[in-house]
């Protein structure tokens, strides 16, 4: 028991260090999954709202930001009347 008594005051430090390493690893992996700066900006804004306001508002802000910034609302125009030119050369 003397060893446990000696180490017990440092449990908070060990726990905090473990959480810091885990947060860094998760953040690093999450950022590597994103492909462009728009996605990184949305993720950063969503993380900030998540940390300050909570999970539901953070998720809602991420969805809204995705549709405002990333999603393209213009419909795709397909013109079936134009014949494709074929080159034989």
Protein backbone atom coordinates (compact mmCIF):
# COMPACT_ATOMS: atom_id res chain seq x y z
CA UNK A 1 0.00 0.00 0.00
CA UNK A 2 2.76 2.56 0.47
CA UNK A 3 3.36 2.69 -3.31
CA UNK A 4 -0.29 3.51 -4.00
CA UNK A 5 -0.24 6.17 -1.30
CA UNK A 6 2.83 7.71 -2.90
CA UNK A 7 1.39 7.75 -6.44
CA UNK A 8 -2.22 8.72 -5.54
CA UNK A 9 -1.66 12.52 -5.61
CA UNK A 10 -0.33 12.28 -9.18
CA UNK A 11 -3.42 10.48 -10.56
CA UNK A 12 -4.92 13.81 -11.68
CA UNK A 13 -1.75 14.69 -13.58
CA UNK A 14 -1.61 11.24 -15.22
CA UNK A 15 -5.27 11.49 -16.20
CA UNK A 16 -4.83 14.98 -17.66
CA UNK A 17 -1.76 13.90 -19.60
CA UNK A 18 -3.65 10.91 -21.01
CA UNK A 19 -6.54 13.15 -22.09
CA UNK A 20 -4.18 15.65 -23.75
CA UNK A 21 -2.45 12.91 -25.75
CA UNK A 22 -5.78 11.39 -26.77
CA UNK A 23 -7.18 14.78 -27.83
CA UNK A 24 -4.08 15.51 -29.90
CA UNK A 25 -4.24 12.12 -31.62
CA UNK A 26 -7.95 12.40 -32.38
CA UNK A 27 -7.57 15.95 -33.67
CA UNK A 28 -4.61 15.00 -35.84
CA UNK A 29 -6.44 12.04 -37.37
CA UNK A 30 -9.58 14.13 -37.90
CA UNK A 31 -7.72 16.94 -39.67
CA UNK A 32 -5.87 14.46 -41.91
CA UNK A 33 -9.25 13.12 -43.10
CA UNK A 34 -10.24 16.53 -44.50
CA UNK A 35 -9.25 17.37 -48.06
CA UNK A 36 -9.48 21.16 -48.42
CA UNK A 37 -9.47 24.37 -46.40
CA UNK A 38 -13.25 24.78 -46.58
CA UNK A 39 -13.74 21.50 -44.76
CA UNK A 40 -11.08 22.43 -42.21
CA UNK A 41 -12.81 25.76 -41.56
CA UNK A 42 -16.17 24.08 -41.06
CA UNK A 43 -14.60 21.55 -38.69
CA UNK A 44 -12.84 24.28 -36.70
CA UNK A 45 -15.99 26.39 -36.38
CA UNK A 46 -18.00 23.32 -35.42
CA UNK A 47 -15.41 22.34 -32.79
CA UNK A 48 -15.45 25.84 -31.30
CA UNK A 49 -19.25 25.90 -31.05
CA UNK A 50 -19.19 22.36 -29.67
CA UNK A 51 -16.75 23.35 -26.94
CA UNK A 52 -18.61 26.54 -25.99
CA UNK A 53 -22.32 25.81 -26.51
CA UNK A 54 -22.69 22.02 -26.45
CA UNK A 55 -23.21 19.01 -28.68
CA UNK A 56 -26.61 19.73 -30.23
CA UNK A 57 -25.83 23.32 -31.21
CA UNK A 58 -22.36 22.26 -32.40
CA UNK A 59 -23.82 19.60 -34.68
CA UNK A 60 -26.47 22.00 -35.95
CA UNK A 61 -23.84 24.64 -36.72
CA UNK A 62 -21.80 22.07 -38.65
CA UNK A 63 -24.77 21.07 -40.79
CA UNK A 64 -25.71 24.71 -41.47
CA UNK A 65 -22.12 25.65 -42.33
CA UNK A 66 -21.83 22.66 -44.65
CA UNK A 67 -24.89 23.69 -46.63
CA UNK A 68 -23.86 27.36 -46.71
CA UNK A 69 -20.19 26.86 -47.64
CA UNK A 70 -19.64 23.44 -49.16
CA UNK A 71 -22.88 22.29 -50.80
CA UNK A 72 -23.66 23.55 -54.29
CA UNK A 73 -27.35 24.27 -54.82
CA UNK A 74 -27.12 24.76 -58.58
CA UNK A 75 -28.81 21.95 -60.50
CA UNK A 76 -26.79 20.02 -63.03
CA UNK A 77 -27.85 20.84 -66.59
CA UNK A 78 -27.78 17.95 -69.02
CA UNK A 79 -28.37 18.83 -72.66
CA UNK A 80 -29.47 15.76 -74.59
CA UNK A 81 -30.15 17.62 -77.85
CA UNK A 82 -26.56 18.41 -78.76
CA UNK A 83 -24.91 15.62 -80.79
CA UNK A 84 -21.43 14.64 -79.77
CA UNK A 85 -18.80 15.12 -82.42
CA UNK A 86 -16.73 12.10 -83.29
CA UNK A 87 -13.27 12.57 -84.68
CA UNK A 88 -11.68 9.93 -86.82
CA UNK A 89 -8.17 10.88 -86.83
